[in-house]
C-alpha cells in the first residue's frame, strides 16, 4: 500500500491513522519501533571505541581459541595462514581476527532484529523507517539489516516507510533516476483518496536485492572507493 502526501502540507495524524486503519485495514500500533545502526556497512561495525571495551577482548580470546583449535585439527602437511600463538599476548586483533568479529557482530544483530520482527507481528507493533527525519533515526545500515532479517523469518510485521521525493531527487545516477521514475509511474496510477476510484494492484519490480550489498568493499564488481559520490555530502 502506498499513499502520496501533497508537498508542503503537514501530515495530519488523524488523517494518517484513518488511512492506516480504515483504508489499509491495519490494527492500530501498540508501539512504533525505530532501528538505528548508523551508516557503516553491517560487516564493518567493530569501531575503535568498541575495540576498547572489555567485552571485545573476550570475543578476541574466543576467536583465537577457535582459530587455534582449527589449526591443531589441520591435516598433516597443511599450513595455517596465521598462527594465533604469535599474537596471543597482543590485545589488538589482526585483520583476519577483526573480520571474524565483524561477522559475529553482524550475525548477532541479524538474529536480534529477526526476533524483533517476530515479536512485532505478534504484538501489532509497527517497524517505522522515516527517511524524512533527522539522521539519528534514518539509518541505511539498519535498513539493510532489516531487509536481511526479513528474509530469515516467515513473520510479516507492518513496516511503515516515510519517504521524501526531494530526498531521492538529491541523488544522482541511474539508480536514483530509476527510483524516481518508478514513483512517478505509481503516482500516475493512484486514485484520489476519498473518491470512488477503483484501487489497482501494481507490480513493482525490485530495483536491488540485499545480497547486492553483501561485500563491504565492492558493488557489482566495482570498488566503492572508485565510485563517485551519489550526492553532495552533508555539511
Protein backbone atom coordinates (compact mmCIF):
# COMPACT_ATOMS: atom_id res chain seq x y z
CA UNK A 1 0.00 0.00 0.00
CA UNK A 2 1.23 3.50 -0.78
CA UNK A 3 -0.09 7.00 -0.21
CA UNK A 4 1.33 10.24 -1.64
CA UNK A 5 1.06 13.24 0.66
CA UNK A 6 0.81 16.69 -1.00
CA UNK A 7 4.06 18.61 -0.99
CA UNK A 8 4.19 21.38 1.60
CA UNK A 9 1.30 20.05 3.66
CA UNK A 10 1.89 18.79 7.18
CA UNK A 11 0.95 15.19 7.86
CA UNK A 12 -2.18 15.30 9.99
CA UNK A 13 -2.08 12.40 12.41
CA UNK A 14 -5.89 11.79 12.45
CA UNK A 15 -5.86 11.64 8.64
CA UNK A 16 -2.91 9.26 8.59
CA UNK A 17 -4.47 6.98 11.22
CA UNK A 18 -7.68 6.95 9.21
CA UNK A 19 -5.82 5.73 6.13
CA UNK A 20 -3.94 3.07 8.08
CA UNK A 21 -6.94 1.73 9.96
CA UNK A 22 -9.91 2.28 7.62
CA UNK A 23 -8.37 2.04 4.16
CA UNK A 24 -5.44 -0.30 4.76
CA UNK A 25 -7.27 -2.30 7.47
CA UNK A 26 -4.26 -2.25 9.79
CA UNK A 27 -4.65 -2.56 13.56
CA UNK A 28 -3.52 0.49 15.49
CA UNK A 29 0.10 0.10 16.55
CA UNK A 30 0.79 -0.63 20.19
CA UNK A 31 4.33 0.59 19.67
CA UNK A 32 6.35 2.21 16.86
CA UNK A 33 9.85 0.78 16.60
CA UNK A 34 12.75 2.71 15.07
CA UNK A 35 16.02 0.86 14.43
CA UNK A 36 19.26 2.84 14.31
CA UNK A 37 22.65 1.33 13.46
CA UNK A 38 24.44 4.26 11.87
CA UNK A 39 25.69 4.24 8.28
CA UNK A 40 28.67 1.87 8.30
CA UNK A 41 28.50 -1.38 6.36
CA UNK A 42 26.96 -4.15 8.54
CA UNK A 43 30.15 -6.19 8.16
CA UNK A 44 32.39 -3.33 9.36
CA UNK A 45 30.90 -2.40 12.74
CA UNK A 46 33.84 -3.08 15.07
CA UNK A 47 34.81 0.55 15.62
CA UNK A 48 37.84 1.75 17.55
CA UNK A 49 35.61 2.65 20.51
CA UNK A 50 34.11 -0.84 20.55
CA UNK A 51 37.58 -2.43 20.42
CA UNK A 52 38.46 -0.65 23.67
CA UNK A 53 35.62 -2.32 25.59
CA UNK A 54 36.44 -5.23 27.93
CA UNK A 55 33.86 -7.39 26.16
CA UNK A 56 35.78 -7.08 22.90
CA UNK A 57 38.83 -8.72 24.47
CA UNK A 58 36.60 -11.64 25.45
CA UNK A 59 35.43 -12.03 21.87
CA UNK A 60 39.00 -11.76 20.66
CA UNK A 61 40.16 -14.54 23.01
CA UNK A 62 37.25 -16.70 21.80
CA UNK A 63 38.21 -16.15 18.17
CA UNK A 64 41.85 -17.01 18.90
CA UNK A 65 40.84 -20.17 20.77
CA UNK A 66 38.68 -21.28 17.84
CA UNK A 67 41.46 -20.45 15.37
CA UNK A 68 43.97 -22.41 17.45
CA UNK A 69 41.60 -25.38 17.58
CA UNK A 70 41.18 -25.28 13.81
CA UNK A 71 44.97 -25.08 13.35
CA UNK A 72 45.54 -28.10 15.58
CA UNK A 73 42.99 -30.08 13.58
CA UNK A 74 44.62 -29.31 10.24
CA UNK A 75 45.58 -32.40 8.21
CA UNK A 76 49.24 -33.35 8.14
CA UNK A 77 51.23 -31.24 5.70
CA UNK A 78 48.78 -28.33 5.79
CA UNK A 79 49.98 -24.83 6.59
CA UNK A 80 47.91 -22.42 8.69
CA UNK A 81 47.51 -18.95 7.21
CA UNK A 82 48.43 -17.40 10.54
CA UNK A 83 49.46 -18.69 13.90
CA UNK A 84 47.39 -17.30 16.77
CA UNK A 85 50.23 -18.17 19.15
CA UNK A 86 52.35 -15.48 17.56
CA UNK A 87 49.85 -12.82 18.63
CA UNK A 88 48.28 -14.41 21.71
CA UNK A 89 49.81 -11.83 24.02
CA UNK A 90 48.51 -8.89 21.95
CA UNK A 91 45.28 -7.14 22.84
CA UNK A 92 44.83 -5.84 19.29
CA UNK A 93 43.20 -8.00 16.65
CA UNK A 94 44.81 -8.90 13.34
CA UNK A 95 42.84 -8.07 10.20
CA UNK A 96 41.64 -11.68 9.93
CA UNK A 97 40.52 -11.72 13.57
CA UNK A 98 38.78 -8.36 13.21
CA UNK A 99 36.95 -9.71 10.16
CA UNK A 100 35.70 -12.72 12.13
CA UNK A 101 34.50 -10.47 14.95
CA UNK A 102 32.74 -8.20 12.43
CA UNK A 103 30.96 -11.29 11.10
CA UNK A 104 29.93 -12.28 14.65
CA UNK A 105 28.54 -8.80 15.31
CA UNK A 106 26.64 -8.92 12.03
CA UNK A 107 25.10 -12.32 12.75
CA UNK A 108 24.09 -11.30 16.29
CA UNK A 109 22.43 -8.12 15.00
CA UNK A 110 20.51 -10.03 12.33
CA UNK A 111 19.34 -12.52 14.98
CA UNK A 112 18.21 -9.71 17.30
CA UNK A 113 16.34 -7.85 14.55
CA UNK A 114 14.73 -11.09 13.36
CA UNK A 115 13.44 -11.64 16.91
CA UNK A 116 12.13 -8.06 16.98
CA UNK A 117 10.25 -8.68 13.71
CA UNK A 118 8.68 -11.85 15.07
CA UNK A 119 7.59 -10.03 18.23
CA UNK A 120 6.30 -7.01 16.25
CA UNK A 121 3.95 -9.20 14.23
CA UNK A 122 2.54 -10.89 17.33
CA UNK A 123 2.02 -7.63 19.26
CA UNK A 124 0.81 -5.42 16.37
CA UNK A 125 3.81 -3.10 16.57
CA UNK A 126 4.96 -1.07 13.57
CA UNK A 127 8.53 -1.01 12.27
CA UNK A 128 8.97 2.60 11.14
CA UNK A 129 11.55 3.79 8.60
CA UNK A 130 11.42 7.57 8.45
CA UNK A 131 13.79 8.93 5.82
CA UNK A 132 12.44 12.44 6.21
CA UNK A 133 13.57 12.76 9.81
CA UNK A 134 16.95 13.59 11.28
CA UNK A 135 19.95 11.34 10.63
CA UNK A 136 19.62 9.93 14.14
CA UNK A 137 16.71 7.70 13.12
CA UNK A 138 17.38 7.37 9.38
CA UNK A 139 19.98 4.62 9.18
CA UNK A 140 20.99 2.92 5.93
CA UNK A 141 22.78 0.22 7.95
CA UNK A 142 19.64 -0.56 9.95
CA UNK A 143 17.54 -0.72 6.79
CA UNK A 144 19.88 -3.25 5.18
CA UNK A 145 19.94 -5.33 8.36
CA UNK A 146 16.13 -5.14 8.44
CA UNK A 147 15.84 -6.42 4.86
CA UNK A 148 18.24 -9.27 5.57
CA UNK A 149 16.33 -10.17 8.75
CA UNK A 150 13.02 -10.19 6.84
CA UNK A 151 14.48 -12.87 4.57
CA UNK A 152 15.26 -15.00 7.63
CA UNK A 153 11.73 -15.16 9.04
CA UNK A 154 8.21 -16.02 7.97
CA UNK A 155 6.88 -13.13 10.05
CA UNK A 156 5.18 -10.27 8.18
CA UNK A 157 5.07 -7.30 10.55
CA UNK A 158 3.81 -3.92 9.41
CA UNK A 159 6.71 -1.87 8.05
CA UNK A 160 5.78 1.79 7.58
CA UNK A 161 8.19 3.69 5.32
CA UNK A 162 8.05 7.50 5.17
CA UNK A 163 9.99 8.77 2.17
CA UNK A 164 10.59 12.17 0.61
CA UNK A 165 10.69 12.62 -3.15
CA UNK A 166 13.01 15.62 -2.76
CA UNK A 167 15.47 13.41 -0.86
CA UNK A 168 15.58 10.93 -3.72
CA UNK A 169 15.92 13.69 -6.30
CA UNK A 170 19.01 14.99 -4.49
CA UNK A 171 20.85 11.83 -5.56
CA UNK A 172 22.49 11.42 -8.95
CA UNK A 173 22.96 8.40 -11.13
CA UNK A 174 20.88 5.71 -12.80
CA UNK A 175 19.69 4.07 -9.58
CA UNK A 176 18.18 7.29 -8.23
CA UNK A 177 16.58 8.11 -11.59
CA UNK A 178 15.01 4.63 -11.69
CA UNK A 179 13.52 5.06 -8.21
CA UNK A 180 12.04 8.47 -9.08
CA UNK A 181 10.64 7.12 -12.36
CA UNK A 182 9.10 4.19 -10.50
CA UNK A 183 7.41 6.55 -8.02
CA UNK A 184 6.11 8.72 -10.87
CA UNK A 185 4.55 5.68 -12.54
CA UNK A 186 2.92 4.54 -9.29
CA UNK A 187 1.52 8.03 -8.63
CA UNK A 188 0.01 8.18 -12.14
CA UNK A 189 -1.96 5.01 -11.38
CA UNK A 190 -3.17 6.13 -7.94
CA UNK A 191 -6.68 7.37 -7.20
CA UNK A 192 -7.57 10.41 -5.13
CA UNK A 193 -8.23 9.45 -1.53
CA UNK A 194 -11.89 9.64 -0.61
CA UNK A 195 -13.15 9.15 -4.17
CA UNK A 196 -14.83 6.08 -5.63
CA UNK A 197 -11.97 5.27 -7.95
CA UNK A 198 -11.05 1.60 -8.07
CA UNK A 199 -7.79 0.67 -6.42
CA UNK A 200 -5.47 -1.26 -8.71
CA UNK A 201 -2.69 -3.59 -7.77
CA UNK A 202 0.58 -2.63 -9.42
CA UNK A 203 3.55 -4.93 -9.87
CA UNK A 204 6.62 -3.06 -8.65
CA UNK A 205 9.90 -4.72 -9.67
CA UNK A 206 12.72 -4.73 -7.14
CA UNK A 207 15.47 -2.32 -8.13
CA UNK A 208 18.05 -4.15 -6.00
CA UNK A 209 18.47 -7.15 -3.70
CA UNK A 210 20.02 -7.11 -0.22
CA UNK A 211 22.70 -9.55 -1.42
CA UNK A 212 23.94 -6.85 -3.82
CA UNK A 213 25.47 -5.13 -0.77
CA UNK A 214 26.99 -8.17 0.93
CA UNK A 215 30.55 -7.11 0.06
CA UNK A 216 31.68 -4.14 2.20
CA UNK A 217 34.29 -3.13 -0.39
CA UNK A 218 32.60 -3.59 -3.76
CA UNK A 219 29.24 -3.18 -5.50
CA UNK A 220 28.64 -5.14 -8.71
CA UNK A 221 32.39 -5.88 -9.03
CA UNK A 222 33.29 -2.19 -8.73
CA UNK A 223 35.20 -0.88 -5.71
CA UNK A 224 33.32 1.70 -3.67
CA UNK A 225 36.42 3.92 -3.49
CA UNK A 226 36.40 4.24 -7.29
CA UNK A 227 32.75 5.31 -7.46
CA UNK A 228 31.68 8.97 -7.47
CA UNK A 229 29.57 10.11 -4.55
CA UNK A 230 25.84 9.71 -5.35
CA UNK A 231 25.09 13.16 -3.92
CA UNK A 232 26.78 16.17 -2.38
CA UNK A 233 27.86 15.34 1.18
CA UNK A 234 26.04 16.94 4.08
CA UNK A 235 27.89 19.77 5.79
